[in-house]
Amino acid sequence: MSDSSHFSHHVFFCTNQRANGEACCADHGANDLRAYAKDKVKALKLAGEGKVRINSAGCLDRCDQGPVMVVYPEAVWYTFVDKEDIDEIIESHLVNGKPVERLKL
C-alpha cells in the first residue's frame, strides 16, 4: 500500500438534509454548490487520480455554521455562500495551496 494519498486534495461538502426542520447545509444550497465545484474542477482539468476529488458527505456536525465543506489533507474547514466563494477556494487553496482565510471556520 502506498503511503501517499490517492488524491492531492479531497473535498467533502456536507449535503445533509434534516427532516425535523433543524438547520442543515442542504437548506443553504450545498448540493448545487457541490455540483458547481465538481464541474469547475473538471473544467480546469484538476479532477482525477493524484488531483482533486469533490465528494458529498452526510452530516459533518457543524450545521450551525453551515453550509460547510472540509479540504483534506490539510483539514481546512470552510463556509461558503455562492459560486464566487467556491471559485476563490478552488483558485487559492486547490490550485495555489493558500487557504482562504476569510472563509475558514
Protein backbone atom coordinates (compact mmCIF):
# COMPACT_ATOMS: atom_id res chain seq x y z
CA MET A 1 0.00 0.00 0.00
CA SER A 2 1.29 3.44 -0.91
CA ASP A 3 1.98 5.99 1.79
CA SER A 4 0.69 8.81 -0.41
CA SER A 5 -2.91 9.85 -0.81
CA HIS A 6 -4.86 8.80 -3.88
CA PHE A 7 -5.83 12.47 -4.35
CA SER A 8 -3.82 15.64 -3.75
CA HIS A 9 -6.96 17.16 -2.20
CA HIS A 10 -10.17 15.51 -1.09
CA VAL A 11 -13.04 17.99 -0.63
CA PHE A 12 -16.14 17.00 1.31
CA PHE A 13 -19.30 19.11 1.07
CA CYS A 14 -21.90 18.50 3.75
CA THR A 15 -25.13 17.97 1.81
CA ASN A 16 -27.16 16.69 4.75
CA GLN A 17 -30.90 17.36 4.77
CA ARG A 18 -32.55 17.21 8.18
CA ALA A 19 -36.18 16.16 8.19
CA ASN A 20 -37.02 17.70 11.57
CA GLY A 21 -36.68 21.31 10.46
CA GLU A 22 -33.34 21.89 12.19
CA ALA A 23 -30.69 23.92 10.37
CA CYS A 24 -28.79 21.91 7.77
CA CYS A 25 -26.36 22.54 4.94
CA ALA A 26 -28.82 21.41 2.26
CA ASP A 27 -31.05 24.36 3.19
CA HIS A 28 -28.20 26.69 2.12
CA GLY A 29 -27.69 25.40 -1.42
CA ALA A 30 -24.90 22.97 -0.56
CA ASN A 31 -25.96 20.43 -3.20
CA ASP A 32 -25.94 22.95 -6.04
CA LEU A 33 -22.62 24.45 -4.96
CA ARG A 34 -21.04 21.00 -4.63
CA ALA A 35 -22.16 20.22 -8.20
CA TYR A 36 -20.78 23.58 -9.34
CA ALA A 37 -17.42 22.85 -7.65
CA LYS A 38 -17.26 19.38 -9.22
CA ASP A 39 -17.96 20.77 -12.70
CA LYS A 40 -15.45 23.61 -12.21
CA VAL A 41 -12.69 21.25 -11.04
CA LYS A 42 -13.33 19.02 -14.08
CA ALA A 43 -13.33 22.01 -16.46
CA LEU A 44 -9.97 23.13 -15.04
CA LYS A 45 -8.63 19.59 -15.53
CA LEU A 46 -7.95 19.30 -11.80
CA ALA A 47 -10.07 16.16 -11.28
CA GLY A 48 -8.83 12.60 -11.10
CA GLU A 49 -6.22 10.39 -9.53
CA GLY A 50 -3.41 12.39 -7.97
CA LYS A 51 -5.50 15.55 -8.29
CA VAL A 52 -8.72 16.83 -6.69
CA ARG A 53 -11.81 14.84 -5.68
CA ILE A 54 -15.09 16.58 -4.80
CA ASN A 55 -17.49 14.50 -2.68
CA SER A 56 -20.81 14.78 -0.91
CA ALA A 57 -20.80 13.93 2.77
CA GLY A 58 -23.51 13.26 5.26
CA CYS A 59 -23.72 15.44 8.32
CA LEU A 60 -20.33 16.87 9.32
CA ASP A 61 -21.82 18.05 12.65
CA ARG A 62 -21.24 21.77 12.08
CA CYS A 63 -24.71 22.62 10.77
CA ASP A 64 -24.94 25.77 12.88
CA GLN A 65 -22.01 27.14 10.85
CA GLY A 66 -23.30 25.84 7.52
CA PRO A 67 -23.04 25.36 4.79
CA VAL A 68 -19.69 23.71 5.40
CA MET A 69 -17.00 21.86 3.50
CA VAL A 70 -13.65 20.45 4.55
CA VAL A 71 -10.49 20.09 2.45
CA TYR A 72 -8.05 17.29 3.17
CA PRO A 73 -5.21 16.57 3.71
CA GLU A 74 -4.94 19.97 5.39
CA ALA A 75 -8.25 19.55 7.28
CA VAL A 76 -9.27 23.14 6.48
CA TRP A 77 -12.94 23.83 7.19
CA TYR A 78 -14.81 26.41 5.13
CA THR A 79 -18.18 28.01 4.91
CA PHE A 80 -19.43 29.50 1.63
CA VAL A 81 -22.45 31.29 0.24
CA ASP A 82 -22.09 31.47 -3.54
CA LYS A 83 -20.18 30.44 -6.66
CA GLU A 84 -17.67 33.25 -6.13
CA ASP A 85 -16.69 31.72 -2.77
CA ILE A 86 -16.28 28.31 -4.41
CA ASP A 87 -14.18 29.85 -7.21
CA GLU A 88 -11.94 31.53 -4.64
CA ILE A 89 -11.44 28.29 -2.68
CA ILE A 90 -10.60 26.37 -5.86
CA GLU A 91 -8.19 29.01 -7.18
CA SER A 92 -6.49 29.92 -3.92
CA HIS A 93 -6.46 26.66 -1.98
CA LEU A 94 -6.71 23.83 -4.51
CA VAL A 95 -4.63 25.42 -7.27
CA ASN A 96 -2.20 27.63 -5.34
CA GLY A 97 -2.07 25.92 -1.93
CA LYS A 98 -3.16 29.01 0.01
CA PRO A 99 -6.22 28.58 2.25
CA VAL A 100 -8.86 31.32 2.02
CA GLU A 101 -8.71 32.89 5.47
CA ARG A 102 -11.96 34.87 5.21
CA LEU A 103 -13.99 31.68 4.61
CA LYS A 104 -12.29 29.43 7.18
CA LEU A 105 -14.24 28.17 10.19
